[in-house]
């Protein structure tokens, strides 16, 4: 075998009936033996280890999944193991059913290269029906209210219109806190108004008591107030003012020739004056020009 210059050149075929010397031999990757060009395949030299690296996959007709057969195991055992553990019949329709264009008259199968999504309705269509008028696009969906309080208000109105309906218990926490805050603000406002009304009533009562006291002090000095219209005398300015308002202002319709008269009261001595000029002169003369305020 070989030549004197290259003694290891070439090898004989491992097939007993061949034994042909080949200067470019083939080594089997399974049995690791050397073969000639004619016997290099597994079938030609009947390789005993040909199925060691063989990959055989069977498609399950129930779930459309691939089942790999193990060369060292019986195919029936491999199949039974798959049916008992991994087989899912619901997966068959999802794998085998091909997605089509949703247009009723179109039977085009949607693939990666011919599928376009509509920007308005967000539905996949084929190239032929990619435009809105072609697939009767309903248009973009109406956006929800940006301010959540509007949705809550509309829902509360609907609940008021339907009193028999059970109110929703899954209202947001912020809505409950908002309603509680509004109730507290309303209660505080009502309390403030009540307090203010009470204070005004108290101040008014104090003012009336002061006028009565000043009138009583004037009457204790022996001064009598005389009505400038009818000449009737009164023990206090308050009684005189009530008399003028009742008789000469509101009851003047029954008395002919009676004119409406306004009485100005001195804030120091509670004396009444018909003319404001007389009141000013009285203050300057009797009270030393003290301010009326």
C-alpha atoms as a PDB file:
ATOM      1  CA  UNK A   1       0.000   0.000   0.000  1.00  0.00           C
ATOM      2  CA  UNK A   2       1.365   3.372  -0.909  1.00  0.00           C
ATOM      3  CA  UNK A   3       4.594   4.157  -2.633  1.00  0.00           C
ATOM      4  CA  UNK A   4       8.219   4.146  -1.480  1.00  0.00           C
ATOM      5  CA  UNK A   5       8.027   7.907  -1.108  1.00  0.00           C
ATOM      6  CA  UNK A   6       4.580   7.860   0.575  1.00  0.00           C
ATOM      7  CA  UNK A   7       4.093   4.524   2.275  1.00  0.00           C
ATOM      8  CA  UNK A   8       0.914   5.633   4.145  1.00  0.00           C
ATOM      9  CA  UNK A   9      -0.781   7.024   1.079  1.00  0.00           C
ATOM     10  CA  UNK A  10      -4.242   5.543   0.483  1.00  0.00           C
ATOM     11  CA  UNK A  11      -6.310   2.981   2.425  1.00  0.00           C
ATOM     12  CA  UNK A  12      -8.376  -0.061   1.606  1.00  0.00           C
ATOM     13  CA  UNK A  13     -12.171  -0.059   1.784  1.00  0.00           C
ATOM     14  CA  UNK A  14     -13.568  -1.788   4.857  1.00  0.00           C
ATOM     15  CA  UNK A  15     -16.164  -3.728   2.883  1.00  0.00           C
ATOM     16  CA  UNK A  16     -15.020  -7.363   2.689  1.00  0.00           C
ATOM     17  CA  UNK A  17     -16.065  -7.802  -0.904  1.00  0.00           C
ATOM     18  CA  UNK A  18     -14.380  -4.578  -1.999  1.00  0.00           C
ATOM     19  CA  UNK A  19     -11.052  -3.917  -0.301  1.00  0.00           C
ATOM     20  CA  UNK A  20     -10.281  -1.375  -2.932  1.00  0.00           C
ATOM     21  CA  UNK A  21      -7.408   0.964  -2.253  1.00  0.00           C
ATOM     22  CA  UNK A  22      -8.473   4.570  -2.323  1.00  0.00           C
ATOM     23  CA  UNK A  23      -6.069   7.466  -2.096  1.00  0.00           C
ATOM     24  CA  UNK A  24      -8.904   9.750  -0.929  1.00  0.00           C
ATOM     25  CA  UNK A  25     -10.830   7.488   1.452  1.00  0.00           C
ATOM     26  CA  UNK A  26     -13.990   8.430   3.389  1.00  0.00           C
ATOM     27  CA  UNK A  27     -14.336   7.881   7.134  1.00  0.00           C
ATOM     28  CA  UNK A  28     -17.853   7.129   8.390  1.00  0.00           C
ATOM     29  CA  UNK A  29     -18.872   9.477  11.193  1.00  0.00           C
ATOM     30  CA  UNK A  30     -20.931   6.748  12.867  1.00  0.00           C
ATOM     31  CA  UNK A  31     -18.885   3.576  12.789  1.00  0.00           C
ATOM     32  CA  UNK A  32     -15.568   5.375  12.196  1.00  0.00           C
ATOM     33  CA  UNK A  33     -14.464   2.918   9.432  1.00  0.00           C
ATOM     34  CA  UNK A  34     -12.828   3.783   6.121  1.00  0.00           C
ATOM     35  CA  UNK A  35     -14.681   3.296   2.839  1.00  0.00           C
ATOM     36  CA  UNK A  36     -14.186   4.017  -0.773  1.00  0.00           C
ATOM     37  CA  UNK A  37     -16.214   6.349  -2.905  1.00  0.00           C
ATOM     38  CA  UNK A  38     -18.747   3.656  -3.770  1.00  0.00           C
ATOM     39  CA  UNK A  39     -19.407   2.483  -0.190  1.00  0.00           C
ATOM     40  CA  UNK A  40     -19.216   5.804   1.646  1.00  0.00           C
ATOM     41  CA  UNK A  41     -22.990   6.071   2.395  1.00  0.00           C
ATOM     42  CA  UNK A  42     -24.703   4.370   5.357  1.00  0.00           C
ATOM     43  CA  UNK A  43     -26.853   2.211   3.142  1.00  0.00           C
ATOM     44  CA  UNK A  44     -24.032   1.000   0.898  1.00  0.00           C
ATOM     45  CA  UNK A  45     -21.862  -0.304   3.716  1.00  0.00           C
ATOM     46  CA  UNK A  46     -24.831  -1.218   5.955  1.00  0.00           C
ATOM     47  CA  UNK A  47     -23.665   0.948   8.854  1.00  0.00           C
ATOM     48  CA  UNK A  48     -24.877  -0.542  12.178  1.00  0.00           C
ATOM     49  CA  UNK A  49     -24.872   2.855  13.876  1.00  0.00           C
ATOM     50  CA  UNK A  50     -26.591   4.841  11.145  1.00  0.00           C
ATOM     51  CA  UNK A  51     -29.617   5.778  13.304  1.00  0.00           C
ATOM     52  CA  UNK A  52     -27.679   7.010  16.325  1.00  0.00           C
ATOM     53  CA  UNK A  53     -27.752  10.638  15.213  1.00  0.00           C
ATOM     54  CA  UNK A  54     -30.830  10.379  13.077  1.00  0.00           C
ATOM     55  CA  UNK A  55     -33.522  12.992  13.837  1.00  0.00           C
ATOM     56  CA  UNK A  56     -37.080  11.920  13.033  1.00  0.00           C
ATOM     57  CA  UNK A  57     -40.029  14.103  13.934  1.00  0.00           C
ATOM     58  CA  UNK A  58     -43.638  13.001  13.651  1.00  0.00           C
ATOM     59  CA  UNK A  59     -46.507  15.551  13.606  1.00  0.00           C
ATOM     60  CA  UNK A  60     -49.232  14.627  16.065  1.00  0.00           C
ATOM     61  CA  UNK A  61     -52.668  14.611  14.355  1.00  0.00           C
ATOM     62  CA  UNK A  62     -54.388  15.575  17.618  1.00  0.00           C
ATOM     63  CA  UNK A  63     -52.445  18.673  18.703  1.00  0.00           C
ATOM     64  CA  UNK A  64     -50.324  19.435  15.612  1.00  0.00           C
ATOM     65  CA  UNK A  65     -47.125  19.330  17.670  1.00  0.00           C
ATOM     66  CA  UNK A  66     -43.895  17.696  16.550  1.00  0.00           C
ATOM     67  CA  UNK A  67     -42.853  14.519  18.379  1.00  0.00           C
ATOM     68  CA  UNK A  68     -39.189  13.528  18.093  1.00  0.00           C
ATOM     69  CA  UNK A  69     -38.548   9.812  17.946  1.00  0.00           C
ATOM     70  CA  UNK A  70     -35.710   8.517  20.087  1.00  0.00           C
ATOM     71  CA  UNK A  71     -33.490   6.015  18.207  1.00  0.00           C
ATOM     72  CA  UNK A  72     -32.892   3.994  21.396  1.00  0.00           C
ATOM     73  CA  UNK A  73     -36.598   3.789  22.226  1.00  0.00           C
ATOM     74  CA  UNK A  74     -39.571   2.110  20.649  1.00  0.00           C
ATOM     75  CA  UNK A  75     -41.624   4.647  18.609  1.00  0.00           C
ATOM     76  CA  UNK A  76     -44.856   3.313  20.162  1.00  0.00           C
ATOM     77  CA  UNK A  77     -43.593   4.084  23.662  1.00  0.00           C
ATOM     78  CA  UNK A  78     -42.530   7.576  22.573  1.00  0.00           C
ATOM     79  CA  UNK A  79     -45.973   8.175  21.078  1.00  0.00           C
ATOM     80  CA  UNK A  80     -47.839   7.002  24.199  1.00  0.00           C
ATOM     81  CA  UNK A  81     -45.667   9.225  26.393  1.00  0.00           C
ATOM     82  CA  UNK A  82     -46.536  12.238  24.267  1.00  0.00           C
ATOM     83  CA  UNK A  83     -50.288  11.499  24.289  1.00  0.00           C
ATOM     84  CA  UNK A  84     -50.351  11.092  28.069  1.00  0.00           C
ATOM     85  CA  UNK A  85     -48.254  14.163  28.940  1.00  0.00           C
ATOM     86  CA  UNK A  86     -47.827  16.826  26.231  1.00  0.00           C
ATOM     87  CA  UNK A  87     -50.766  16.345  23.861  1.00  0.00           C
ATOM     88  CA  UNK A  88     -53.272  19.293  23.899  1.00  0.00           C
ATOM     89  CA  UNK A  89     -56.100  18.948  21.339  1.00  0.00           C
ATOM     90  CA  UNK A  90     -57.112  22.598  21.775  1.00  0.00           C
ATOM     91  CA  UNK A  91     -53.845  23.633  20.151  1.00  0.00           C
ATOM     92  CA  UNK A  92     -54.744  22.003  16.833  1.00  0.00           C
ATOM     93  CA  UNK A  93     -57.169  24.684  15.645  1.00  0.00           C
ATOM     94  CA  UNK A  94     -54.854  27.484  16.752  1.00  0.00           C
ATOM     95  CA  UNK A  95     -51.959  26.034  14.751  1.00  0.00           C
ATOM     96  CA  UNK A  96     -53.734  24.817  11.649  1.00  0.00           C
ATOM     97  CA  UNK A  97     -56.302  27.601  11.237  1.00  0.00           C
ATOM     98  CA  UNK A  98     -54.851  30.349   9.098  1.00  0.00           C
ATOM     99  CA  UNK A  99     -55.811  33.961   9.636  1.00  0.00           C
ATOM    100  CA  UNK A 100     -57.769  35.505   6.769  1.00  0.00           C
ATOM    101  CA  UNK A 101     -58.780  39.021   5.819  1.00  0.00           C
ATOM    102  CA  UNK A 102     -61.894  40.018   7.844  1.00  0.00           C
ATOM    103  CA  UNK A 103     -63.676  41.467   4.788  1.00  0.00           C
ATOM    104  CA  UNK A 104     -66.623  39.106   4.073  1.00  0.00           C
ATOM    105  CA  UNK A 105     -65.968  38.778   0.337  1.00  0.00           C
ATOM    106  CA  UNK A 106     -62.183  38.311   0.715  1.00  0.00           C
ATOM    107  CA  UNK A 107     -60.505  34.933   1.212  1.00  0.00           C
ATOM    108  CA  UNK A 108     -56.922  36.193   1.249  1.00  0.00           C
ATOM    109  CA  UNK A 109     -54.766  34.463   3.855  1.00  0.00           C
ATOM    110  CA  UNK A 110     -52.861  36.960   5.971  1.00  0.00           C
ATOM    111  CA  UNK A 111     -49.128  36.413   6.152  1.00  0.00           C
ATOM    112  CA  UNK A 112     -46.209  38.458   7.337  1.00  0.00           C
ATOM    113  CA  UNK A 113     -45.693  40.146   3.986  1.00  0.00           C
ATOM    114  CA  UNK A 114     -49.292  41.002   3.027  1.00  0.00           C
ATOM    115  CA  UNK A 115     -50.754  42.128   6.373  1.00  0.00           C
ATOM    116  CA  UNK A 116     -51.420  45.754   7.252  1.00  0.00           C
ATOM    117  CA  UNK A 117     -53.159  47.110  10.360  1.00  0.00           C
ATOM    118  CA  UNK A 118     -55.704  49.896   9.922  1.00  0.00           C
ATOM    119  CA  UNK A 119     -54.771  53.024  11.882  1.00  0.00           C
ATOM    120  CA  UNK A 120     -58.399  53.768  12.795  1.00  0.00           C
ATOM    121  CA  UNK A 121     -60.012  50.438  13.700  1.00  0.00           C
ATOM    122  CA  UNK A 122     -56.691  48.665  14.487  1.00  0.00           C
ATOM    123  CA  UNK A 123     -57.721  45.500  12.580  1.00  0.00           C
ATOM    124  CA  UNK A 124     -55.418  43.530  10.263  1.00  0.00           C
ATOM    125  CA  UNK A 125     -56.383  43.487   6.561  1.00  0.00           C
ATOM    126  CA  UNK A 126     -54.838  42.344   3.310  1.00  0.00           C
ATOM    127  CA  UNK A 127     -53.172  44.725   0.878  1.00  0.00           C
ATOM    128  CA  UNK A 128     -56.290  44.933  -1.265  1.00  0.00           C
ATOM    129  CA  UNK A 129     -58.486  46.150   1.613  1.00  0.00           C
ATOM    130  CA  UNK A 130     -55.931  48.165   3.552  1.00  0.00           C
ATOM    131  CA  UNK A 131     -57.731  51.487   3.047  1.00  0.00           C
ATOM    132  CA  UNK A 132     -60.728  52.489   5.178  1.00  0.00           C
ATOM    133  CA  UNK A 133     -63.353  52.747   2.397  1.00  0.00           C
ATOM    134  CA  UNK A 134     -62.345  49.293   1.093  1.00  0.00           C
ATOM    135  CA  UNK A 135     -63.133  47.470   4.340  1.00  0.00           C
ATOM    136  CA  UNK A 136     -65.904  49.864   5.548  1.00  0.00           C
ATOM    137  CA  UNK A 137     -63.875  51.162   8.456  1.00  0.00           C
ATOM    138  CA  UNK A 138     -66.122  52.428  11.295  1.00  0.00           C
ATOM    139  CA  UNK A 139     -63.544  55.053  12.188  1.00  0.00           C
ATOM    140  CA  UNK A 140     -61.553  55.647  15.350  1.00  0.00           C
ATOM    141  CA  UNK A 141     -63.079  54.820  18.686  1.00  0.00           C
ATOM    142  CA  UNK A 142     -64.405  57.681  20.780  1.00  0.00           C
ATOM    143  CA  UNK A 143     -61.910  58.568  23.521  1.00  0.00           C
ATOM    144  CA  UNK A 144     -63.006  58.331  27.113  1.00  0.00           C
ATOM    145  CA  UNK A 145     -63.407  61.548  29.165  1.00  0.00           C
ATOM    146  CA  UNK A 146     -59.987  62.838  30.160  1.00  0.00           C
ATOM    147  CA  UNK A 147     -61.278  64.125  33.486  1.00  0.00           C
ATOM    148  CA  UNK A 148     -62.414  61.176  35.648  1.00  0.00           C
ATOM    149  CA  UNK A 149     -64.817  63.352  37.642  1.00  0.00           C
ATOM    150  CA  UNK A 150     -67.058  63.770  34.570  1.00  0.00           C
ATOM    151  CA  UNK A 151     -67.524  60.030  34.265  1.00  0.00           C
ATOM    152  CA  UNK A 152     -68.287  59.763  37.968  1.00  0.00           C
ATOM    153  CA  UNK A 153     -70.819  62.594  37.679  1.00  0.00           C
ATOM    154  CA  UNK A 154     -72.590  60.967  34.733  1.00  0.00           C
ATOM    155  CA  UNK A 155     -72.724  57.655  36.539  1.00  0.00           C
ATOM    156  CA  UNK A 156     -74.196  59.275  39.651  1.00  0.00           C
ATOM    157  CA  UNK A 157     -76.875  60.943  37.509  1.00  0.00           C
ATOM    158  CA  UNK A 158     -77.809  57.613  35.964  1.00  0.00           C
ATOM    159  CA  UNK A 159     -78.050  56.043  39.415  1.00  0.00           C
ATOM    160  CA  UNK A 160     -80.380  58.851  40.547  1.00  0.00           C
ATOM    161  CA  UNK A 161     -82.639  58.233  37.549  1.00  0.00           C
ATOM    162  CA  UNK A 162     -82.800  54.523  38.418  1.00  0.00           C
ATOM    163  CA  UNK A 163     -83.546  54.342  42.171  1.00  0.00           C
ATOM    164  CA  UNK A 164     -84.219  50.585  42.111  1.00  0.00           C
ATOM    165  CA  UNK A 165     -80.776  49.857  40.829  1.00  0.00           C
ATOM    166  CA  UNK A 166     -78.212  48.803  43.393  1.00  0.00           C
ATOM    167  CA  UNK A 167     -75.457  51.443  43.578  1.00  0.00           C
ATOM    168  CA  UNK A 168     -72.009  50.412  42.479  1.00  0.00           C
ATOM    169  CA  UNK A 169     -69.708  49.479  45.352  1.00  0.00           C
ATOM    170  CA  UNK A 170     -66.494  49.692  43.359  1.00  0.00           C
ATOM    171  CA  UNK A 171     -66.291  53.498  43.296  1.00  0.00           C
ATOM    172  CA  UNK A 172     -62.781  54.903  43.519  1.00  0.00           C
ATOM    173  CA  UNK A 173     -61.426  55.872  46.900  1.00  0.00           C
ATOM    174  CA  UNK A 174     -60.670  59.395  45.737  1.00  0.00           C
ATOM    175  CA  UNK A 175     -64.373  59.919  44.875  1.00  0.00           C
ATOM    176  CA  UNK A 176     -65.409  58.969  48.409  1.00  0.00           C
ATOM    177  CA  UNK A 177     -62.828  61.279  49.934  1.00  0.00           C
ATOM    178  CA  UNK A 178     -63.916  64.076  47.596  1.00  0.00           C
ATOM    179  CA  UNK A 179     -67.560  63.728  48.677  1.00  0.00           C
ATOM    180  CA  UNK A 180     -66.561  63.633  52.347  1.00  0.00           C
ATOM    181  CA  UNK A 181     -64.492  66.811  51.914  1.00  0.00           C
ATOM    182  CA  UNK A 182     -67.396  68.543  50.178  1.00  0.00           C
ATOM    183  CA  UNK A 183     -69.762  67.570  53.003  1.00  0.00           C
ATOM    184  CA  UNK A 184     -67.352  68.861  55.645  1.00  0.00           C
ATOM    185  CA  UNK A 185     -66.912  72.170  53.796  1.00  0.00           C
ATOM    186  CA  UNK A 186     -70.672  72.574  53.524  1.00  0.00           C
ATOM    187  CA  UNK A 187     -71.166  71.807  57.217  1.00  0.00           C
ATOM    188  CA  UNK A 188     -68.484  74.307  58.244  1.00  0.00           C
ATOM    189  CA  UNK A 189     -70.036  76.981  55.995  1.00  0.00           C
ATOM    190  CA  UNK A 190     -73.472  76.433  57.545  1.00  0.00           C
ATOM    191  CA  UNK A 191     -71.972  76.619  61.032  1.00  0.00           C
ATOM    192  CA  UNK A 192     -70.196  79.876  60.166  1.00  0.00           C
ATOM    193  CA  UNK A 193     -73.413  81.403  58.795  1.00  0.00           C
ATOM    194  CA  UNK A 194     -75.325  80.396  61.918  1.00  0.00           C
ATOM    195  CA  UNK A 195     -72.633  81.874  64.161  1.00  0.00           C
ATOM    196  CA  UNK A 196     -72.612  85.113  62.170  1.00  0.00           C
ATOM    197  CA  UNK A 197     -76.401  85.382  62.344  1.00  0.00           C
ATOM    198  CA  UNK A 198     -76.331  84.902  66.114  1.00  0.00           C
ATOM    199  CA  UNK A 199     -73.676  87.594  66.529  1.00  0.00           C
ATOM    200  CA  UNK A 200     -75.674  90.066  64.434  1.00  0.00           C
ATOM    201  CA  UNK A 201     -78.789  89.368  66.492  1.00  0.00           C
ATOM    202  CA  UNK A 202     -76.860  89.936  69.720  1.00  0.00           C
ATOM    203  CA  UNK A 203     -75.369  93.220  68.466  1.00  0.00           C
ATOM    204  CA  UNK A 204     -78.763  94.436  67.341  1.00  0.00           C
ATOM    205  CA  UNK A 205     -80.306  93.595  70.706  1.00  0.00           C
ATOM    206  CA  UNK A 206     -77.506  95.440  72.518  1.00  0.00           C
ATOM    207  CA  UNK A 207     -78.075  98.498  70.309  1.00  0.00           C
ATOM    208  CA  UNK A 208     -81.818  98.486  71.047  1.00  0.00           C
ATOM    209  CA  UNK A 209     -81.163  98.165  74.764  1.00  0.00           C
ATOM    210  CA  UNK A 210     -78.782 101.145  74.612  1.00  0.00           C
ATOM    211  CA  UNK A 211     -81.387 103.286  72.882  1.00  0.00           C
ATOM    212  CA  UNK A 212     -83.995 102.288  75.473  1.00  0.00           C
ATOM    213  CA  UNK A 213     -81.644 103.080  78.334  1.00  0.00           C
ATOM    214  CA  UNK A 214     -80.808 106.501  76.882  1.00  0.00           C
ATOM    215  CA  UNK A 215     -84.515 107.193  76.425  1.00  0.00           C
ATOM    216  CA  UNK A 216     -85.294 106.154  79.969  1.00  0.00           C
ATOM    217  CA  UNK A 217     -82.472 108.373  81.272  1.00  0.00           C
ATOM    218  CA  UNK A 218     -83.904 111.303  79.356  1.00  0.00           C
ATOM    219  CA  UNK A 219     -87.365 110.749  80.771  1.00  0.00           C
ATOM    220  CA  UNK A 220     -86.004 110.477  84.292  1.00  0.00           C
ATOM    221  CA  UNK A 221     -84.678 114.037  83.929  1.00  0.00           C
ATOM    222  CA  UNK A 222     -88.236 115.259  83.422  1.00  0.00           C
ATOM    223  CA  UNK A 223     -87.878 116.019  79.698  1.00  0.00           C
ATOM    224  CA  UNK A 224     -90.907 115.323  77.509  1.00  0.00           C
ATOM    225  CA  UNK A 225     -90.723 114.788  73.757  1.00  0.00           C
ATOM    226  CA  UNK A 226     -93.390 116.664  71.760  1.00  0.00           C
ATOM    227  CA  UNK A 227     -94.576 115.606  68.296  1.00  0.00           C
ATOM    228  CA  UNK A 228     -94.012 118.557  65.919  1.00  0.00           C
ATOM    229  CA  UNK A 229     -97.091 117.608  63.874  1.00  0.00           C
ATOM    230  CA  UNK A 230     -99.853 116.973  66.367  1.00  0.00           C
ATOM    231  CA  UNK A 231     -98.273 118.283  69.608  1.00  0.00           C
ATOM    232  CA  UNK A 232     -98.692 115.006  71.510  1.00  0.00           C
ATOM    233  CA  UNK A 233     -96.104 114.543  74.275  1.00  0.00           C
ATOM    234  CA  UNK A 234     -94.090 111.369  74.812  1.00  0.00           C
ATOM    235  CA  UNK A 235     -91.850 110.280  77.636  1.00  0.00           C
ATOM    236  CA  UNK A 236     -89.107 108.845  75.335  1.00  0.00           C
ATOM    237  CA  UNK A 237     -87.700 109.430  71.899  1.00  0.00           C
ATOM    238  CA  UNK A 238     -88.366 105.807  70.901  1.00  0.00           C
ATOM    239  CA  UNK A 239     -92.061 106.232  71.548  1.00  0.00           C
ATOM    240  CA  UNK A 240     -92.058 109.503  69.591  1.00  0.00           C
ATOM    241  CA  UNK A 241     -90.335 107.881  66.600  1.00  0.00           C
ATOM    242  CA  UNK A 242     -92.804 104.981  66.619  1.00  0.00           C
ATOM    243  CA  UNK A 243     -95.678 107.490  66.784  1.00  0.00           C
ATOM    244  CA  UNK A 244     -94.361 109.495  63.805  1.00  0.00           C
ATOM    245  CA  UNK A 245     -93.759 106.365  61.713  1.00  0.00           C
ATOM    246  CA  UNK A 246     -97.196 104.896  62.424  1.00  0.00           C
ATOM    247  CA  UNK A 247     -99.368 108.030  62.389  1.00  0.00           C
ATOM    248  CA  UNK A 248     -97.707 110.586  60.173  1.00  0.00           C
ATOM    249  CA  UNK A 249     -95.950 108.337  57.645  1.00  0.00           C
ATOM    250  CA  UNK A 250     -98.087 105.205  57.173  1.00  0.00           C
ATOM    251  CA  UNK A 251    -101.392 106.430  58.609  1.00  0.00           C
ATOM    252  CA  UNK A 252    -101.336 109.841  56.933  1.00  0.00           C
ATOM    253  CA  UNK A 253    -103.947 108.765  54.427  1.00  0.00           C
ATOM    254  CA  UNK A 254    -106.741 109.246  57.044  1.00  0.00           C
ATOM    255  CA  UNK A 255    -105.525 112.675  58.218  1.00  0.00           C
ATOM    256  CA  UNK A 256    -105.813 115.607  55.835  1.00  0.00           C
ATOM    257  CA  UNK A 257    -103.016 118.182  55.625  1.00  0.00           C
ATOM    258  CA  UNK A 258    -100.498 116.051  57.539  1.00  0.00           C
ATOM    259  CA  UNK A 259     -96.997 115.973  56.003  1.00  0.00           C
ATOM    260  CA  UNK A 260     -94.340 113.326  56.337  1.00  0.00           C
ATOM    261  CA  UNK A 261     -91.792 114.279  58.981  1.00  0.00           C
ATOM    262  CA  UNK A 262     -88.356 112.864  59.742  1.00  0.00           C
ATOM    263  CA  UNK A 263     -87.043 113.091  63.317  1.00  0.00           C
ATOM    264  CA  UNK A 264     -83.276 113.310  63.980  1.00  0.00           C
ATOM    265  CA  UNK A 265     -82.186 112.138  67.429  1.00  0.00           C
ATOM    266  CA  UNK A 266     -79.234 113.529  69.335  1.00  0.00           C
ATOM    267  CA  UNK A 267     -76.816 110.662  70.109  1.00  0.00           C
ATOM    268  CA  UNK A 268     -75.822 112.275  73.450  1.00  0.00           C
ATOM    269  CA  UNK A 269     -79.066 113.179  75.133  1.00  0.00           C
ATOM    270  CA  UNK A 270     -81.567 111.385  72.865  1.00  0.00           C
ATOM    271  CA  UNK A 271     -83.488 114.580  72.145  1.00  0.00           C
ATOM    272  CA  UNK A 272     -85.388 114.701  68.854  1.00  0.00           C
ATOM    273  CA  UNK A 273     -85.129 117.482  66.257  1.00  0.00           C
ATOM    274  CA  UNK A 274     -87.162 118.058  63.153  1.00  0.00           C
ATOM    275  CA  UNK A 275     -84.453 120.010  61.345  1.00  0.00           C
ATOM    276  CA  UNK A 276     -80.893 118.611  61.017  1.00  0.00           C
ATOM    277  CA  UNK A 277     -79.522 122.173  61.348  1.00  0.00           C
ATOM    278  CA  UNK A 278     -81.216 122.489  64.736  1.00  0.00           C
ATOM    279  CA  UNK A 279     -79.615 119.219  65.777  1.00  0.00           C
ATOM    280  CA  UNK A 280     -76.159 120.496  64.835  1.00  0.00           C
ATOM    281  CA  UNK A 281     -76.708 123.773  66.692  1.00  0.00           C
ATOM    282  CA  UNK A 282     -77.937 121.847  69.729  1.00  0.00           C
ATOM    283  CA  UNK A 283     -74.822 119.663  69.768  1.00  0.00           C
ATOM    284  CA  UNK A 284     -72.493 122.667  69.460  1.00  0.00           C
ATOM    285  CA  UNK A 285     -74.353 124.580  72.156  1.00  0.00           C
ATOM    286  CA  UNK A 286     -75.154 121.866  74.698  1.00  0.00           C
ATOM    287  CA  UNK A 287     -72.358 119.365  74.184  1.00  0.00           C
ATOM    288  CA  UNK A 288     -69.505 121.702  73.303  1.00  0.00           C
ATOM    289  CA  UNK A 289     -69.298 120.797  69.592  1.00  0.00           C
ATOM    290  CA  UNK A 290     -68.611 117.074  70.205  1.00  0.00           C
ATOM    291  CA  UNK A 291     -68.684 114.951  67.012  1.00  0.00           C
ATOM    292  CA  UNK A 292     -71.933 113.173  66.289  1.00  0.00           C
ATOM    293  CA  UNK A 293     -70.133 109.942  65.370  1.00  0.00           C
END
